[in-house]
Amino acid sequence: MSDDKQSNGPSRRSLLAASGSVGLAGILGSGSSALSGTTEILSPIGTARAANAGGDKTGLTLLNDRPVNMETPAHLLDDKITPAGRLFVRNNGLPPTMAEIDESNWTLAIDGLVDKPLTLTIADLKSQFETVTLQLQMECGGNGRKFFHPGASGNQWTFGAIGCPEWTGVRLADILKAAGVKPDAVYTAHYSADMHLTGDPEKDAISRGMPMEKAMDPNNLIAWAINGKDMPLLNGHPLRLVVPGWPGSCSQKWLTRISIIDKVHDGAKMTGTAYRVPAYPVAPGTEVPEEDMEIIHSLPVKSLITFPETGTRISPRQQTEIRGHAWAGDRDVSAMHVSTDFGRTWIEAALDPPKNKYAWQHWRADITLPQAGYYEVWARATDSEGEMQPALPPGWNPKGYLNNMQHRIALFGV
């Protein structure tokens, strides 16, 4: 993650405000209005490379302008299938411009420890492999970073670095099978066309990878479309990896090459503290030796309240629906509960099965406020292995990853 200004620990007010737009102005400040494009928000050095970025991102919260990073307020994620315009944006470098992208000549190379190296155009992908469409979760490993104390450097995500659109593409596993992965293969290494922030062509903005076992999961896609249409440039147009359940950094955007190697990949954002957590519990603020940091794989169970928006006024003694989504990395969600009395008692919510593996699951519950006053709704998901969301940020770590604390909203009975 980029090293943004360190934040302080959150107050209850900031936590609830970050749950939706009731406190958005206070969080953003007057300079972070809703965005319909990207060119006007970039610093001069980045403007040219983001011209014609495409994709209406109105309503998203700007966290950083170089590189561009935006998250989605919780109430704007109420759709069962996330619209492309409401999918968060996580960049590490400067994206290629639309003028630089020629879809007809864009190629993906598969090389390294394979029997048959491949160079495939997008047309080749569409004609030589089965096209599939899956609804797949995409989440930044730093989602929730804002709420760790002491604060962690990086984009101060609250709850909105998550989305679950429908992706169309081909299975990564099918391509790897066609190339013929050799027995000594250990890891993938991903490369892309975005530029390092320094402009140095010898440096990668990001180059992540994954173990071969995960790479062969049939739910990983090399995708060219979101919800049946071309992806916005800022979400990876014209070609990207989609590796659901793991940090979004594994899902390389503007994908140009996948190399199969015989060791854990050591590319940009694979070493040091990047996308790693301590191998053992540490006290907040501890300096952890790099050799004691472990790469993040599956993300933890989490849920989101998407309706009503935090700060909503409702009538007491009348039934009100609360709803949202839940997801659990490589696992499924097995139960969902909500509380309106600060966790003293819990109400079981109706929970839908996922549309397909790695799709988030929709839930709903009816509540009735007993009288006028201030209330909070807390949401708690439990995964298929019995692990549930904690009330507070778990497991402090130097970069603020894996915060799956319970989401909560404020309601006023009037």
Protein backbone atom coordinates (compact mmCIF):
# COMPACT_ATOMS: atom_id res chain seq x y z
CA MET A 1 0.00 0.00 0.00
CA SER A 2 1.07 3.57 -0.47
CA ASP A 3 2.48 5.26 2.61
CA ASP A 4 -0.15 7.88 3.37
CA LYS A 5 -0.25 9.95 6.52
CA GLN A 6 -0.65 7.87 9.66
CA SER A 7 -4.09 8.06 11.27
CA ASN A 8 -5.16 8.14 14.88
CA GLY A 9 -7.48 5.57 16.39
CA PRO A 10 -11.20 6.07 15.68
CA SER A 11 -13.81 7.46 17.99
CA ARG A 12 -17.33 5.98 18.02
CA ARG A 13 -18.50 9.01 16.05
CA SER A 14 -15.91 8.53 13.30
CA LEU A 15 -16.63 4.81 13.10
CA LEU A 16 -20.35 5.34 12.65
CA ALA A 17 -19.85 8.24 10.25
CA ALA A 18 -17.57 6.13 8.11
CA SER A 19 -20.35 3.57 7.79
CA GLY A 20 -22.22 5.85 5.40
CA SER A 21 -22.70 9.36 4.14
CA VAL A 22 -24.28 10.84 7.26
CA GLY A 23 -20.77 11.80 8.35
CA LEU A 24 -19.17 11.79 4.94
CA ALA A 25 -18.49 15.50 4.78
CA GLY A 26 -16.75 15.38 8.10
CA ILE A 27 -14.57 12.50 7.01
CA LEU A 28 -13.73 13.84 3.57
CA GLY A 29 -13.50 17.56 4.07
CA SER A 30 -14.73 20.09 1.56
CA GLY A 31 -12.18 19.13 -1.08
CA SER A 32 -13.43 15.57 -1.68
CA SER A 33 -16.71 15.92 -3.50
CA ALA A 34 -18.43 13.14 -5.42
CA LEU A 35 -16.58 12.15 -8.55
CA SER A 36 -17.93 11.56 -12.04
CA GLY A 37 -14.51 11.22 -13.64
CA THR A 38 -10.88 11.12 -12.67
CA THR A 39 -8.87 13.60 -14.71
CA GLU A 40 -9.78 16.60 -12.59
CA ILE A 41 -8.70 14.95 -9.32
CA LEU A 42 -5.23 13.89 -10.33
CA SER A 43 -2.02 15.73 -9.65
CA PRO A 44 -0.43 17.08 -12.86
CA ILE A 45 2.09 14.26 -13.26
CA GLY A 46 -0.69 11.69 -13.23
CA THR A 47 -3.29 13.54 -15.27
CA ALA A 48 -2.07 12.52 -18.71
CA ARG A 49 -2.00 8.83 -17.83
CA ALA A 50 -5.57 8.87 -16.50
CA ALA A 51 -7.17 10.92 -19.26
CA ASN A 52 -10.35 9.30 -20.53
CA ALA A 53 -10.25 6.89 -17.59
CA GLY A 54 -13.91 6.10 -18.12
CA GLY A 55 -16.40 4.74 -15.63
CA ASP A 56 -18.74 6.97 -13.64
CA LYS A 57 -17.55 6.81 -10.02
CA THR A 58 -20.00 9.39 -8.67
CA GLY A 59 -20.43 9.16 -4.91
CA LEU A 60 -17.20 7.32 -4.15
CA THR A 61 -14.84 8.67 -1.50
CA LEU A 62 -11.43 9.82 -2.76
CA LEU A 63 -8.67 8.56 -0.45
CA ASN A 64 -5.65 9.39 -2.59
CA ASP A 65 -5.09 11.11 -5.92
CA ARG A 66 -1.66 9.72 -6.79
CA PRO A 67 -2.24 6.92 -7.28
CA VAL A 68 -6.02 7.19 -7.49
CA ASN A 69 -7.78 5.23 -4.74
CA MET A 70 -11.51 5.46 -3.97
CA GLU A 71 -13.87 3.57 -1.69
CA THR A 72 -17.64 3.18 -1.76
CA PRO A 73 -19.93 4.33 1.08
CA ALA A 74 -21.79 1.33 2.51
CA HIS A 75 -25.27 2.47 1.47
CA LEU A 76 -24.14 2.68 -2.17
CA LEU A 77 -23.34 -1.05 -2.08
CA ASP A 78 -26.96 -2.09 -1.58
CA ASP A 79 -27.25 -3.68 -5.05
CA LYS A 80 -27.02 -7.46 -5.03
CA ILE A 81 -24.65 -7.21 -8.00
CA THR A 82 -22.25 -4.29 -7.62
CA PRO A 83 -22.49 -1.80 -10.53
CA ALA A 84 -19.14 -1.03 -12.15
CA GLY A 85 -19.50 2.61 -11.16
CA ARG A 86 -19.72 1.62 -7.49
CA LEU A 87 -16.76 -0.73 -7.42
CA PHE A 88 -13.90 0.67 -5.34
CA VAL A 89 -10.64 1.68 -7.02
CA ARG A 90 -7.24 0.51 -5.73
CA ASN A 91 -4.20 1.54 -7.75
CA ASN A 92 -0.49 1.24 -6.97
CA GLY A 93 0.84 3.10 -10.01
CA LEU A 94 -0.38 5.10 -12.98
CA PRO A 95 -2.77 3.26 -15.32
CA PRO A 96 -2.21 3.20 -19.07
CA THR A 97 -4.32 5.73 -20.94
CA MET A 98 -7.15 4.74 -23.23
CA ALA A 99 -5.07 6.12 -26.11
CA GLU A 100 -2.35 3.61 -25.26
CA ILE A 101 -4.72 0.64 -25.19
CA ASP A 102 -5.36 -1.21 -28.45
CA GLU A 103 -7.62 -4.12 -27.52
CA SER A 104 -7.02 -5.86 -30.84
CA ASN A 105 -3.28 -6.02 -30.17
CA TRP A 106 -3.30 -6.46 -26.39
CA THR A 107 -1.54 -9.72 -25.53
CA LEU A 108 -1.16 -11.95 -22.50
CA ALA A 109 2.01 -14.03 -22.21
CA ILE A 110 2.17 -17.27 -20.21
CA ASP A 111 5.78 -18.29 -19.68
CA GLY A 112 8.27 -19.74 -17.23
CA LEU A 113 7.87 -23.34 -16.08
CA VAL A 114 5.43 -24.42 -18.78
CA ASP A 115 5.70 -26.94 -21.60
CA LYS A 116 4.22 -24.57 -24.15
CA PRO A 117 4.69 -20.82 -23.67
CA LEU A 118 1.67 -18.90 -24.92
CA THR A 119 1.05 -15.43 -26.29
CA LEU A 120 -2.67 -14.78 -26.51
CA THR A 121 -4.71 -11.84 -27.77
CA ILE A 122 -8.06 -11.06 -26.22
CA ALA A 123 -9.62 -12.52 -29.39
CA ASP A 124 -7.61 -15.71 -28.80
CA LEU A 125 -8.90 -15.94 -25.24
CA LYS A 126 -12.48 -15.60 -26.44
CA SER A 127 -12.14 -18.11 -29.28
CA GLN A 128 -9.87 -20.77 -27.76
CA PHE A 129 -11.27 -21.07 -24.24
CA GLU A 130 -14.68 -21.35 -22.62
CA THR A 131 -16.13 -17.96 -21.69
CA VAL A 132 -17.66 -17.92 -18.22
CA THR A 133 -19.48 -15.34 -16.10
CA LEU A 134 -19.26 -15.50 -12.30
CA GLN A 135 -20.23 -13.12 -9.53
CA LEU A 136 -17.04 -12.81 -7.49
CA GLN A 137 -16.06 -10.78 -4.46
CA MET A 138 -13.19 -8.31 -4.76
CA GLU A 139 -11.79 -6.77 -1.57
CA CYS A 140 -8.67 -4.84 -0.65
CA GLY A 141 -6.62 -6.50 2.09
CA GLY A 142 -6.48 -3.11 3.84
CA ASN A 143 -10.25 -2.67 4.04
CA GLY A 144 -10.92 -1.36 7.56
CA ARG A 145 -7.39 0.01 8.08
CA LYS A 146 -8.74 3.30 9.42
CA PHE A 147 -9.87 1.70 12.68
CA PHE A 148 -6.57 0.29 13.94
CA HIS A 149 -4.84 2.06 16.82
CA PRO A 150 -2.09 3.07 16.66
CA GLY A 151 -2.82 3.92 13.06
CA ALA A 152 -1.22 2.16 10.13
CA SER A 153 0.22 3.87 7.06
CA GLY A 154 -1.59 3.47 3.77
CA ASN A 155 -4.97 4.43 2.35
CA GLN A 156 -7.39 4.87 5.25
CA TRP A 157 -10.10 2.50 4.06
CA THR A 158 -13.20 2.26 6.24
CA PHE A 159 -15.64 -0.42 5.03
CA GLY A 160 -16.02 0.32 1.32
CA ALA A 161 -13.06 -1.44 -0.37
CA ILE A 162 -15.32 -4.33 -1.37
CA GLY A 163 -17.59 -5.16 -4.27
CA CYS A 164 -19.13 -8.18 -5.94
CA PRO A 165 -19.93 -7.61 -9.63
CA GLU A 166 -20.32 -10.24 -12.33
CA TRP A 167 -17.06 -10.83 -14.18
CA THR A 168 -16.83 -12.31 -17.67
CA GLY A 169 -13.67 -13.95 -18.95
CA VAL A 170 -11.91 -17.31 -19.10
CA ARG A 171 -10.66 -19.54 -16.32
CA LEU A 172 -7.01 -19.02 -15.45
CA ALA A 173 -6.77 -22.76 -14.81
CA ASP A 174 -7.82 -23.53 -18.39
CA ILE A 175 -5.02 -21.37 -19.77
CA LEU A 176 -2.45 -22.87 -17.42
CA LYS A 177 -3.55 -26.37 -18.42
CA ALA A 178 -3.16 -25.42 -22.09
CA ALA A 179 0.37 -24.18 -21.38
CA GLY A 180 1.22 -27.30 -19.42
CA VAL A 181 2.50 -26.39 -15.95
CA LYS A 182 5.67 -28.28 -15.05
CA PRO A 183 5.88 -30.38 -11.84
CA ASP A 184 8.38 -28.07 -10.14
CA ALA A 185 6.10 -25.02 -10.40
CA VAL A 186 5.52 -23.30 -7.05
CA TYR A 187 4.11 -19.82 -7.65
CA THR A 188 2.74 -17.44 -10.24
CA ALA A 189 4.19 -13.99 -10.96
CA HIS A 190 1.88 -11.34 -12.42
CA TYR A 191 2.91 -8.36 -14.57
CA SER A 192 0.96 -5.44 -15.95
CA ALA A 193 1.04 -2.26 -18.02
CA ASP A 194 0.62 0.34 -15.27
CA MET A 195 3.55 2.68 -14.66
CA HIS A 196 5.49 3.06 -11.43
CA LEU A 197 4.80 6.38 -9.71
CA THR A 198 8.37 7.49 -10.40
CA GLY A 199 7.88 6.97 -14.13
CA ASP A 200 10.85 4.57 -14.14
CA PRO A 201 10.08 1.90 -16.79
CA GLU A 202 12.45 -0.51 -15.03
CA LYS A 203 10.26 -0.54 -11.90
CA ASP A 204 6.95 -2.37 -11.53
CA ALA A 205 4.12 -0.56 -9.77
CA ILE A 206 3.02 -3.92 -8.41
CA SER A 207 3.81 -7.53 -9.28
CA ARG A 208 2.01 -10.01 -7.07
CA GLY A 209 1.53 -13.77 -7.33
CA MET A 210 -0.05 -16.80 -5.65
CA PRO A 211 0.69 -20.47 -4.90
CA MET A 212 -0.07 -22.89 -7.72
CA GLU A 213 -2.82 -24.56 -5.70
CA LYS A 214 -4.74 -21.28 -5.59
CA ALA A 215 -3.87 -20.47 -9.21
CA MET A 216 -5.58 -23.68 -10.36
CA ASP A 217 -8.85 -22.84 -8.58
CA PRO A 218 -11.53 -22.90 -11.33
CA ASN A 219 -13.11 -19.70 -9.93
CA ASN A 220 -10.12 -17.52 -10.86
CA LEU A 221 -10.76 -15.59 -14.06
CA ILE A 222 -8.85 -13.59 -16.61
CA ALA A 223 -11.62 -11.10 -17.24
CA TRP A 224 -12.45 -8.44 -19.80
CA ALA A 225 -15.96 -7.42 -18.71
CA ILE A 226 -17.94 -6.35 -15.64
CA ASN A 227 -21.70 -6.91 -15.66
CA GLY A 228 -21.65 -7.62 -19.38
CA LYS A 229 -19.77 -4.44 -20.37
CA ASP A 230 -16.15 -3.37 -20.74
CA MET A 231 -14.48 -2.68 -17.41
CA PRO A 232 -13.75 0.93 -16.47
CA LEU A 233 -10.08 1.68 -17.08
CA LEU A 234 -9.51 2.27 -13.37
CA ASN A 235 -10.76 -1.27 -12.67
CA GLY A 236 -8.40 -2.89 -15.17
CA HIS A 237 -9.63 -2.46 -18.74
CA PRO A 238 -8.95 -4.22 -21.05
CA LEU A 239 -7.78 -7.35 -19.16
CA ARG A 240 -7.28 -8.31 -15.53
CA LEU A 241 -7.02 -11.22 -13.15
CA VAL A 242 -9.85 -11.88 -10.72
CA VAL A 243 -8.70 -13.98 -7.75
CA PRO A 244 -11.68 -13.99 -5.37
CA GLY A 245 -11.41 -14.47 -1.62
CA TRP A 246 -7.78 -13.26 -1.44
CA PRO A 247 -6.49 -9.67 -1.27
CA GLY A 248 -7.41 -7.69 -4.37
CA SER A 249 -3.71 -7.10 -5.03
CA CYS A 250 -3.53 -10.68 -6.36
CA SER A 251 -5.98 -9.66 -9.09
CA GLN A 252 -3.50 -7.81 -11.31
CA LYS A 253 -5.08 -5.12 -13.50
CA TRP A 254 -3.95 -4.27 -17.06
CA LEU A 255 -2.58 -7.81 -17.18
CA THR A 256 0.15 -8.56 -19.73
CA ARG A 257 2.05 -11.57 -18.41
CA ILE A 258 1.87 -14.49 -15.98
CA SER A 259 5.12 -16.31 -15.33
CA ILE A 260 5.26 -19.69 -13.57
CA ILE A 261 8.22 -19.94 -11.20
CA ASP A 262 9.80 -22.41 -8.75
CA LYS A 263 9.76 -20.20 -5.64
CA VAL A 264 7.58 -17.66 -3.87
CA HIS A 265 7.44 -14.58 -6.08
CA ASP A 266 9.56 -11.64 -4.89
CA GLY A 267 8.09 -8.91 -7.11
CA ALA A 268 6.92 -5.43 -6.14
CA LYS A 269 4.55 -5.54 -3.12
CA MET A 270 5.43 -9.18 -2.37
CA THR A 271 8.22 -8.59 0.17
CA GLY A 272 8.77 -6.69 3.41
CA THR A 273 5.49 -5.81 5.13
CA ALA A 274 3.40 -5.51 1.94
CA TYR A 275 0.28 -7.68 2.18
CA ARG A 276 1.81 -9.51 5.13
CA VAL A 277 0.90 -9.86 8.80
CA PRO A 278 2.95 -11.05 11.81
CA ALA A 279 3.24 -14.83 12.21
CA TYR A 280 2.29 -14.43 15.89
CA PRO A 281 0.15 -12.00 17.93
CA VAL A 282 1.87 -8.70 18.68
CA ALA A 283 1.07 -5.75 20.91
CA PRO A 284 -0.17 -2.64 19.08
CA GLY A 285 2.75 -0.57 17.85
CA THR A 286 5.27 -3.40 17.90
CA GLU A 287 8.08 -3.31 15.34
CA VAL A 288 7.97 -6.75 13.74
CA PRO A 289 11.06 -8.18 11.97
CA GLU A 290 10.42 -8.68 8.25
CA GLU A 291 11.33 -12.38 8.52
CA ASP A 292 8.40 -12.79 10.94
CA MET A 293 5.82 -11.48 8.46
CA GLU A 294 3.61 -13.96 6.58
CA ILE A 295 1.87 -13.45 3.21
CA ILE A 296 -1.90 -12.96 3.45
CA HIS A 297 -3.96 -15.62 1.72
CA SER A 298 -7.71 -15.99 2.34
CA LEU A 299 -9.50 -12.97 3.79
CA PRO A 300 -11.60 -13.30 6.99
CA VAL A 301 -15.38 -13.39 7.43
CA LYS A 302 -17.02 -9.99 7.13
CA SER A 303 -20.41 -8.34 6.63
CA LEU A 304 -21.81 -4.96 5.67
CA ILE A 305 -25.07 -3.14 6.43
CA THR A 306 -26.21 -1.47 3.21
CA PHE A 307 -29.76 -0.42 4.22
CA PRO A 308 -30.79 1.83 5.78
CA GLU A 309 -28.08 4.44 5.54
CA THR A 310 -26.44 5.32 8.85
CA GLY A 311 -28.14 8.29 10.51
CA THR A 312 -31.60 7.41 9.19
CA ARG A 313 -34.62 8.47 11.26
CA ILE A 314 -37.29 5.80 11.64
CA SER A 315 -40.54 5.44 13.57
CA PRO A 316 -40.27 3.51 16.83
CA ARG A 317 -42.58 0.53 17.41
CA GLN A 318 -42.74 -0.06 13.64
CA GLN A 319 -40.97 -2.89 11.86
CA THR A 320 -37.95 -1.85 9.78
CA GLU A 321 -35.90 -4.04 7.45
CA ILE A 322 -32.12 -4.09 7.88
CA ARG A 323 -30.15 -5.71 5.05
CA GLY A 324 -26.71 -6.16 3.58
CA HIS A 325 -24.12 -8.68 2.39
CA ALA A 326 -21.65 -11.10 3.99
CA TRP A 327 -18.60 -12.95 2.65
CA ALA A 328 -15.76 -15.07 4.03
CA GLY A 329 -12.76 -15.37 1.72
CA ASP A 330 -12.28 -19.01 0.71
CA ARG A 331 -15.08 -20.05 3.06
CA ASP A 332 -18.85 -19.56 3.03
CA VAL A 333 -20.97 -17.63 5.52
CA SER A 334 -23.07 -19.95 7.68
CA ALA A 335 -24.95 -17.51 9.93
CA MET A 336 -25.77 -13.82 10.23
CA HIS A 337 -26.95 -11.88 13.28
CA VAL A 338 -27.75 -8.25 14.14
CA SER A 339 -27.95 -6.44 17.47
CA THR A 340 -29.76 -3.23 18.39
CA ASP A 341 -28.62 -3.11 22.03
CA PHE A 342 -24.83 -2.82 21.68
CA GLY A 343 -24.28 -6.57 21.49
CA ARG A 344 -26.22 -7.63 24.58
CA THR A 345 -28.66 -9.67 22.51
CA TRP A 346 -28.62 -10.83 18.89
CA ILE A 347 -31.32 -11.43 16.28
CA GLU A 348 -30.71 -14.09 13.63
CA ALA A 349 -31.00 -12.73 10.10
CA ALA A 350 -32.25 -14.55 7.01
CA LEU A 351 -29.20 -15.52 4.95
CA ASP A 352 -29.23 -16.42 1.25
CA PRO A 353 -26.79 -18.92 -0.24
CA PRO A 354 -24.15 -17.48 -2.62
CA LYS A 355 -25.11 -17.23 -6.28
CA ASN A 356 -21.92 -19.19 -6.96
CA LYS A 357 -18.76 -19.93 -5.00
CA TYR A 358 -17.07 -16.66 -3.93
CA ALA A 359 -20.19 -14.51 -4.42
CA TRP A 360 -21.20 -12.54 -1.35
CA GLN A 361 -24.37 -13.63 0.44
CA HIS A 362 -27.35 -11.36 0.99
CA TRP A 363 -29.03 -11.13 4.38
CA ARG A 364 -31.98 -9.33 5.94
CA ALA A 365 -33.56 -8.92 9.37
CA ASP A 366 -36.56 -7.03 10.73
CA ILE A 367 -36.11 -4.85 13.81
CA THR A 368 -38.43 -2.72 15.88
CA LEU A 369 -37.14 0.14 18.00
CA PRO A 370 -38.94 0.01 21.37
CA GLN A 371 -39.12 3.78 21.86
CA ALA A 372 -37.75 7.07 20.59
CA GLY A 373 -34.02 7.64 20.96
CA TYR A 374 -30.58 6.74 19.64
CA TYR A 375 -29.75 3.20 18.52
CA GLU A 376 -26.97 1.34 16.79
CA VAL A 377 -27.34 -1.72 14.60
CA TRP A 378 -24.37 -4.07 14.72
CA ALA A 379 -23.88 -6.83 12.14
CA ARG A 380 -22.03 -10.09 12.85
CA ALA A 381 -21.32 -12.86 10.34
CA THR A 382 -20.13 -16.38 11.16
CA ASP A 383 -18.25 -18.47 8.60
CA SER A 384 -18.48 -22.16 7.72
CA GLU A 385 -15.67 -22.98 10.18
CA GLY A 386 -17.45 -21.27 13.08
CA GLU A 387 -15.33 -18.12 13.14
CA MET A 388 -17.28 -14.91 13.68
CA GLN A 389 -16.59 -11.22 13.39
CA PRO A 390 -15.21 -9.49 16.50
CA ALA A 391 -16.69 -6.28 17.84
CA LEU A 392 -13.34 -4.47 17.67
CA PRO A 393 -10.38 -4.54 15.25
CA PRO A 394 -8.55 -7.84 15.74
CA GLY A 395 -4.86 -8.64 15.56
CA TRP A 396 -3.09 -5.27 15.20
CA ASN A 397 -0.46 -5.44 12.48
CA PRO A 398 1.97 -2.84 11.08
CA LYS A 399 0.12 -2.27 7.78
CA GLY A 400 -3.47 -2.48 9.05
CA TYR A 401 -4.65 -5.56 7.17
CA LEU A 402 -7.48 -8.03 7.83
CA ASN A 403 -9.75 -5.85 9.97
CA ASN A 404 -13.06 -7.73 10.01
CA MET A 405 -14.66 -5.89 12.92
CA GLN A 406 -18.46 -5.74 13.01
CA HIS A 407 -20.00 -3.04 10.85
CA ARG A 408 -22.49 -0.79 12.61
CA ILE A 409 -24.84 2.02 11.74
CA ALA A 410 -26.68 4.66 13.77
CA LEU A 411 -30.49 4.93 13.75
CA PHE A 412 -32.71 7.53 15.41
CA GLY A 413 -36.19 6.64 16.62
CA VAL A 414 -38.39 9.71 16.16
